[in-house]
Amino acid sequence: MDLNQNNINDNTELKTRGNWNQVKGEAKQKWGNLTDDDLTYEDGKQDEWFGRMQEKTGHAMDDIKAWFSRTF
């Protein structure tokens, strides 16, 4: 299910939120130029957050979402 329509399964999103420090560390390892500020997430602003990730990493938004889904 995807209640907030961000193309990420709600179970994956809830699991990710519960392990956010680990997620941030993994993302910073994968994309070394990310900072804590880049990874600051606010509810309801998923598209903006993914847009920042896309801009900073140079990867397509779908690829970033897929990485988060696969990894967590």
PDB file of N, CA and C in Angstrom:
ATOM      1  N   MET A   1       0.840  -1.176   0.000  1.00  0.00           N
ATOM      2  CA  MET A   1       0.000   0.000   0.000  1.00  0.00           C
ATOM      3  C   MET A   1       0.887   1.242   0.000  1.00  0.00           C
ATOM      4  N   ASP A   2       0.409   2.319  -0.580  1.00  0.00           N
ATOM      5  CA  ASP A   2       1.168   3.561  -0.686  1.00  0.00           C
ATOM      6  C   ASP A   2       0.221   4.732  -0.402  1.00  0.00           C
ATOM      7  N   LEU A   3      -0.086   4.941   0.861  1.00  0.00           N
ATOM      8  CA  LEU A   3      -1.080   5.939   1.237  1.00  0.00           C
ATOM      9  C   LEU A   3      -0.694   7.366   0.859  1.00  0.00           C
ATOM     10  N   ASN A   4       0.584   7.707   0.945  1.00  0.00           N
ATOM     11  CA  ASN A   4       0.984   9.076   0.614  1.00  0.00           C
ATOM     12  C   ASN A   4       1.439   9.214  -0.833  1.00  0.00           C
ATOM     13  N   GLN A   5       1.257   8.188  -1.629  1.00  0.00           N
ATOM     14  CA  GLN A   5       1.489   8.192  -3.074  1.00  0.00           C
ATOM     15  C   GLN A   5       2.873   8.709  -3.458  1.00  0.00           C
ATOM     16  N   ASN A   6       3.910   8.174  -2.796  1.00  0.00           N
ATOM     17  CA  ASN A   6       5.269   8.573  -3.128  1.00  0.00           C
ATOM     18  C   ASN A   6       6.041   7.444  -3.811  1.00  0.00           C
ATOM     19  N   ASN A   7       5.310   6.432  -4.255  1.00  0.00           N
ATOM     20  CA  ASN A   7       5.879   5.277  -4.964  1.00  0.00           C
ATOM     21  C   ASN A   7       6.814   4.442  -4.101  1.00  0.00           C
ATOM     22  N   ILE A   8       6.660   4.536  -2.791  1.00  0.00           N
ATOM     23  CA  ILE A   8       7.403   3.686  -1.860  1.00  0.00           C
ATOM     24  C   ILE A   8       6.374   2.966  -1.003  1.00  0.00           C
ATOM     25  N   ASN A   9       6.510   1.665  -0.920  1.00  0.00           N
ATOM     26  CA  ASN A   9       5.603   0.864  -0.113  1.00  0.00           C
ATOM     27  C   ASN A   9       5.584   1.399   1.317  1.00  0.00           C
ATOM     28  N   ASP A  10       4.399   1.531   1.905  1.00  0.00           N
ATOM     29  CA  ASP A  10       4.277   2.082   3.247  1.00  0.00           C
ATOM     30  C   ASP A  10       5.059   1.280   4.285  1.00  0.00           C
ATOM     31  N   ASN A  11       5.100  -0.044   4.147  1.00  0.00           N
ATOM     32  CA  ASN A  11       5.873  -0.859   5.099  1.00  0.00           C
ATOM     33  C   ASN A  11       7.356  -0.524   5.014  1.00  0.00           C
ATOM     34  N   THR A  12       7.852  -0.326   3.813  1.00  0.00           N
ATOM     35  CA  THR A  12       9.258   0.056   3.623  1.00  0.00           C
ATOM     36  C   THR A  12       9.516   1.421   4.248  1.00  0.00           C
ATOM     37  N   GLU A  13       8.593   2.344   4.035  1.00  0.00           N
ATOM     38  CA  GLU A  13       8.761   3.691   4.566  1.00  0.00           C
ATOM     39  C   GLU A  13       8.758   3.684   6.094  1.00  0.00           C
ATOM     40  N   LEU A  14       7.858   2.939   6.715  1.00  0.00           N
ATOM     41  CA  LEU A  14       7.811   2.868   8.176  1.00  0.00           C
ATOM     42  C   LEU A  14       9.060   2.222   8.744  1.00  0.00           C
ATOM     43  N   LYS A  15       9.538   1.169   8.085  1.00  0.00           N
ATOM     44  CA  LYS A  15      10.765   0.509   8.526  1.00  0.00           C
ATOM     45  C   LYS A  15      11.937   1.479   8.420  1.00  0.00           C
ATOM     46  N   THR A  16      11.992   2.227   7.333  1.00  0.00           N
ATOM     47  CA  THR A  16      13.067   3.191   7.134  1.00  0.00           C
ATOM     48  C   THR A  16      13.041   4.265   8.211  1.00  0.00           C
ATOM     49  N   ARG A  17      11.882   4.779   8.526  1.00  0.00           N
ATOM     50  CA  ARG A  17      11.783   5.809   9.559  1.00  0.00           C
ATOM     51  C   ARG A  17      12.271   5.293  10.908  1.00  0.00           C
ATOM     52  N   GLY A  18      12.022   4.032  11.189  1.00  0.00           N
ATOM     53  CA  GLY A  18      12.450   3.452  12.453  1.00  0.00           C
ATOM     54  C   GLY A  18      13.949   3.272  12.547  1.00  0.00           C
ATOM     55  N   ASN A  19      14.625   3.168  11.429  1.00  0.00           N
ATOM     56  CA  ASN A  19      16.071   2.959  11.380  1.00  0.00           C
ATOM     57  C   ASN A  19      16.779   4.131  10.707  1.00  0.00           C
ATOM     58  N   TRP A  20      16.292   5.343  10.919  1.00  0.00           N
ATOM     59  CA  TRP A  20      16.744   6.482  10.133  1.00  0.00           C
ATOM     60  C   TRP A  20      18.239   6.755  10.257  1.00  0.00           C
ATOM     61  N   ASN A  21      18.834   6.618  11.439  1.00  0.00           N
ATOM     62  CA  ASN A  21      20.268   6.859  11.568  1.00  0.00           C
ATOM     63  C   ASN A  21      21.066   5.872  10.729  1.00  0.00           C
ATOM     64  N   GLN A  22      20.639   4.636  10.710  1.00  0.00           N
ATOM     65  CA  GLN A  22      21.298   3.629   9.875  1.00  0.00           C
ATOM     66  C   GLN A  22      21.116   3.971   8.399  1.00  0.00           C
ATOM     67  N   VAL A  23      19.915   4.369   8.040  1.00  0.00           N
ATOM     68  CA  VAL A  23      19.621   4.724   6.648  1.00  0.00           C
ATOM     69  C   VAL A  23      20.515   5.884   6.214  1.00  0.00           C
ATOM     70  N   LYS A  24      20.626   6.907   7.040  1.00  0.00           N
ATOM     71  CA  LYS A  24      21.464   8.054   6.688  1.00  0.00           C
ATOM     72  C   LYS A  24      22.909   7.621   6.472  1.00  0.00           C
ATOM     73  N   GLY A  25      23.412   6.775   7.355  1.00  0.00           N
ATOM     74  CA  GLY A  25      24.782   6.292   7.213  1.00  0.00           C
ATOM     75  C   GLY A  25      24.986   5.522   5.919  1.00  0.00           C
ATOM     76  N   GLU A  26      24.053   4.640   5.591  1.00  0.00           N
ATOM     77  CA  GLU A  26      24.144   3.863   4.350  1.00  0.00           C
ATOM     78  C   GLU A  26      24.085   4.777   3.123  1.00  0.00           C
ATOM     79  N   ALA A  27      23.190   5.764   3.165  1.00  0.00           N
ATOM     80  CA  ALA A  27      23.053   6.692   2.032  1.00  0.00           C
ATOM     81  C   ALA A  27      24.325   7.524   1.875  1.00  0.00           C
ATOM     82  N   LYS A  28      24.919   7.952   2.989  1.00  0.00           N
ATOM     83  CA  LYS A  28      26.155   8.741   2.900  1.00  0.00           C
ATOM     84  C   LYS A  28      27.314   7.894   2.386  1.00  0.00           C
ATOM     85  N   GLN A  29      27.302   6.603   2.689  1.00  0.00           N
ATOM     86  CA  GLN A  29      28.330   5.726   2.144  1.00  0.00           C
ATOM     87  C   GLN A  29      28.147   5.546   0.643  1.00  0.00           C
ATOM     88  N   LYS A  30      26.893   5.386   0.224  1.00  0.00           N
ATOM     89  CA  LYS A  30      26.621   5.174  -1.206  1.00  0.00           C
ATOM     90  C   LYS A  30      26.902   6.438  -2.003  1.00  0.00           C
ATOM     91  N   TRP A  31      26.420   7.564  -1.498  1.00  0.00           N
ATOM     92  CA  TRP A  31      26.591   8.850  -2.164  1.00  0.00           C
ATOM     93  C   TRP A  31      27.394   9.744  -1.225  1.00  0.00           C
ATOM     94  N   GLY A  32      28.698   9.706  -1.343  1.00  0.00           N
ATOM     95  CA  GLY A  32      29.608  10.349  -0.400  1.00  0.00           C
ATOM     96  C   GLY A  32      29.457  11.841  -0.234  1.00  0.00           C
ATOM     97  N   ASN A  33      28.805  12.508  -1.160  1.00  0.00           N
ATOM     98  CA  ASN A  33      28.686  13.959  -1.057  1.00  0.00           C
ATOM     99  C   ASN A  33      27.443  14.408  -0.281  1.00  0.00           C
ATOM    100  N   LEU A  34      26.659  13.477   0.252  1.00  0.00           N
ATOM    101  CA  LEU A  34      25.469  13.843   1.015  1.00  0.00           C
ATOM    102  C   LEU A  34      25.849  14.255   2.437  1.00  0.00           C
ATOM    103  N   THR A  35      25.139  15.245   2.949  1.00  0.00           N
ATOM    104  CA  THR A  35      25.343  15.701   4.324  1.00  0.00           C
ATOM    105  C   THR A  35      24.094  15.389   5.141  1.00  0.00           C
ATOM    106  N   ASP A  36      24.185  15.585   6.442  1.00  0.00           N
ATOM    107  CA  ASP A  36      23.008  15.413   7.298  1.00  0.00           C
ATOM    108  C   ASP A  36      21.889  16.356   6.872  1.00  0.00           C
ATOM    109  N   ASP A  37      22.239  17.575   6.465  1.00  0.00           N
ATOM    110  CA  ASP A  37      21.218  18.522   6.003  1.00  0.00           C
ATOM    111  C   ASP A  37      20.493  17.995   4.763  1.00  0.00           C
ATOM    112  N   ASP A  38      21.241  17.373   3.858  1.00  0.00           N
ATOM    113  CA  ASP A  38      20.624  16.807   2.650  1.00  0.00           C
ATOM    114  C   ASP A  38      19.638  15.703   3.013  1.00  0.00           C
ATOM    115  N   LEU A  39      19.912  15.009   4.091  1.00  0.00           N
ATOM    116  CA  LEU A  39      19.097  13.861   4.480  1.00  0.00           C
ATOM    117  C   LEU A  39      18.021  14.209   5.504  1.00  0.00           C
ATOM    118  N   THR A  40      17.865  15.492   5.805  1.00  0.00           N
ATOM    119  CA  THR A  40      16.804  15.920   6.711  1.00  0.00           C
ATOM    120  C   THR A  40      15.468  15.754   5.990  1.00  0.00           C
ATOM    121  N   TYR A  41      14.588  15.008   6.616  1.00  0.00           N
ATOM    122  CA  TYR A  41      13.310  14.634   6.007  1.00  0.00           C
ATOM    123  C   TYR A  41      12.168  15.256   6.798  1.00  0.00           C
ATOM    124  N   GLU A  42      11.224  15.859   6.107  1.00  0.00           N
ATOM    125  CA  GLU A  42      10.040  16.418   6.744  1.00  0.00           C
ATOM    126  C   GLU A  42       8.804  15.728   6.182  1.00  0.00           C
ATOM    127  N   ASP A  43       7.899  15.339   7.070  1.00  0.00           N
ATOM    128  CA  ASP A  43       6.657  14.707   6.626  1.00  0.00           C
ATOM    129  C   ASP A  43       5.929  15.607   5.638  1.00  0.00           C
ATOM    130  N   GLY A  44       5.389  14.982   4.602  1.00  0.00           N
ATOM    131  CA  GLY A  44       4.615  15.704   3.604  1.00  0.00           C
ATOM    132  C   GLY A  44       5.444  16.364   2.526  1.00  0.00           C
ATOM    133  N   LYS A  45       6.776  16.269   2.628  1.00  0.00           N
ATOM    134  CA  LYS A  45       7.640  16.911   1.639  1.00  0.00           C
ATOM    135  C   LYS A  45       8.548  15.890   0.953  1.00  0.00           C
ATOM    136  N   GLN A  46       7.976  14.720   0.677  1.00  0.00           N
ATOM    137  CA  GLN A  46       8.762  13.647   0.072  1.00  0.00           C
ATOM    138  C   GLN A  46       9.318  14.045  -1.289  1.00  0.00           C
ATOM    139  N   ASP A  47       8.499  14.678  -2.117  1.00  0.00           N
ATOM    140  CA  ASP A  47       8.950  15.033  -3.461  1.00  0.00           C
ATOM    141  C   ASP A  47      10.104  16.032  -3.410  1.00  0.00           C
ATOM    142  N   GLU A  48      10.023  17.001  -2.516  1.00  0.00           N
ATOM    143  CA  GLU A  48      11.117  17.957  -2.365  1.00  0.00           C
ATOM    144  C   GLU A  48      12.387  17.246  -1.905  1.00  0.00           C
ATOM    145  N   TRP A  49      12.230  16.336  -0.960  1.00  0.00           N
ATOM    146  CA  TRP A  49      13.370  15.599  -0.417  1.00  0.00           C
ATOM    147  C   TRP A  49      14.033  14.762  -1.512  1.00  0.00           C
ATOM    148  N   PHE A  50      13.222  14.026  -2.261  1.00  0.00           N
ATOM    149  CA  PHE A  50      13.777  13.228  -3.355  1.00  0.00           C
ATOM    150  C   PHE A  50      14.387  14.121  -4.428  1.00  0.00           C
ATOM    151  N   GLY A  51      13.813  15.283  -4.660  1.00  0.00           N
ATOM    152  CA  GLY A  51      14.387  16.236  -5.608  1.00  0.00           C
ATOM    153  C   GLY A  51      15.769  16.695  -5.169  1.00  0.00           C
ATOM    154  N   ARG A  52      15.934  16.974  -3.870  1.00  0.00           N
ATOM    155  CA  ARG A  52      17.251  17.347  -3.344  1.00  0.00           C
ATOM    156  C   ARG A  52      18.237  16.206  -3.507  1.00  0.00           C
ATOM    157  N   MET A  53      17.770  14.986  -3.233  1.00  0.00           N
ATOM    158  CA  MET A  53      18.625  13.817  -3.382  1.00  0.00           C
ATOM    159  C   MET A  53      19.046  13.659  -4.845  1.00  0.00           C
ATOM    160  N   GLN A  54      18.108  13.844  -5.747  1.00  0.00           N
ATOM    161  CA  GLN A  54      18.393  13.721  -7.172  1.00  0.00           C
ATOM    162  C   GLN A  54      19.418  14.774  -7.598  1.00  0.00           C
ATOM    163  N   GLU A  55      19.221  15.989  -7.168  1.00  0.00           N
ATOM    164  CA  GLU A  55      20.134  17.077  -7.525  1.00  0.00           C
ATOM    165  C   GLU A  55      21.536  16.824  -6.973  1.00  0.00           C
ATOM    166  N   LYS A  56      21.607  16.374  -5.745  1.00  0.00           N
ATOM    167  CA  LYS A  56      22.897  16.189  -5.084  1.00  0.00           C
ATOM    168  C   LYS A  56      23.651  14.964  -5.607  1.00  0.00           C
ATOM    169  N   THR A  57      22.930  13.883  -5.916  1.00  0.00           N
ATOM    170  CA  THR A  57      23.594  12.641  -6.324  1.00  0.00           C
ATOM    171  C   THR A  57      23.757  12.517  -7.831  1.00  0.00           C
ATOM    172  N   GLY A  58      22.905  13.204  -8.592  1.00  0.00           N
ATOM    173  CA  GLY A  58      22.943  13.076 -10.037  1.00  0.00           C
ATOM    174  C   GLY A  58      22.221  11.841 -10.557  1.00  0.00           C
ATOM    175  N   HIS A  59      21.551  11.112  -9.661  1.00  0.00           N
ATOM    176  CA  HIS A  59      20.805   9.916 -10.065  1.00  0.00           C
ATOM    177  C   HIS A  59      19.328  10.252 -10.245  1.00  0.00           C
ATOM    178  N   ALA A  60      18.665   9.461 -11.068  1.00  0.00           N
ATOM    179  CA  ALA A  60      17.231   9.647 -11.303  1.00  0.00           C
ATOM    180  C   ALA A  60      16.446   9.360 -10.025  1.00  0.00           C
ATOM    181  N   MET A  61      15.359  10.076  -9.854  1.00  0.00           N
ATOM    182  CA  MET A  61      14.532   9.918  -8.661  1.00  0.00           C
ATOM    183  C   MET A  61      14.058   8.474  -8.512  1.00  0.00           C
ATOM    184  N   ASP A  62      13.681   7.839  -9.605  1.00  0.00           N
ATOM    185  CA  ASP A  62      13.224   6.443  -9.541  1.00  0.00           C
ATOM    186  C   ASP A  62      14.334   5.518  -9.057  1.00  0.00           C
ATOM    187  N   ASP A  63      15.577   5.797  -9.461  1.00  0.00           N
ATOM    188  CA  ASP A  63      16.704   4.987  -9.007  1.00  0.00           C
ATOM    189  C   ASP A  63      16.942   5.161  -7.506  1.00  0.00           C
ATOM    190  N   ILE A  64      16.806   6.384  -7.030  1.00  0.00           N
ATOM    191  CA  ILE A  64      16.991   6.660  -5.601  1.00  0.00           C
ATOM    192  C   ILE A  64      15.898   5.962  -4.799  1.00  0.00           C
ATOM    193  N   LYS A  65      14.662   6.081  -5.261  1.00  0.00           N
ATOM    194  CA  LYS A  65      13.544   5.417  -4.567  1.00  0.00           C
ATOM    195  C   LYS A  65      13.735   3.912  -4.570  1.00  0.00           C
ATOM    196  N   ALA A  66      14.183   3.377  -5.692  1.00  0.00           N
ATOM    197  CA  ALA A  66      14.403   1.930  -5.782  1.00  0.00           C
ATOM    198  C   ALA A  66      15.502   1.492  -4.823  1.00  0.00           C
ATOM    199  N   TRP A  67      16.565   2.282  -4.696  1.00  0.00           N
ATOM    200  CA  TRP A  67      17.643   1.942  -3.768  1.00  0.00           C
ATOM    201  C   TRP A  67      17.116   1.884  -2.336  1.00  0.00           C
ATOM    202  N   PHE A  68      16.337   2.901  -1.938  1.00  0.00           N
ATOM    203  CA  PHE A  68      15.775   2.909  -0.597  1.00  0.00           C
ATOM    204  C   PHE A  68      14.860   1.711  -0.391  1.00  0.00           C
ATOM    205  N   SER A  69      14.051   1.387  -1.376  1.00  0.00           N
ATOM    206  CA  SER A  69      13.144   0.236  -1.259  1.00  0.00           C
ATOM    207  C   SER A  69      13.905  -1.075  -1.140  1.00  0.00           C
ATOM    208  N   ARG A  70      14.952  -1.252  -1.954  1.00  0.00           N
ATOM    209  CA  ARG A  70      15.757  -2.477  -1.924  1.00  0.00           C
ATOM    210  C   ARG A  70      16.544  -2.597  -0.623  1.00  0.00           C
ATOM    211  N   THR A  71      17.119  -1.501  -0.191  1.00  0.00           N
ATOM    212  CA  THR A  71      18.025  -1.518   0.941  1.00  0.00           C
ATOM    213  C   THR A  71      17.294  -1.630   2.267  1.00  0.00           C
ATOM    214  N   PHE A  72      16.151  -0.961   2.333  1.00  0.00           N
ATOM    215  CA  PHE A  72      15.445  -0.951   3.613  1.00  0.00           C
ATOM    216  C   PHE A  72      14.007  -1.323   3.437  1.00  0.00           C
TER     217      PHE A  72
END
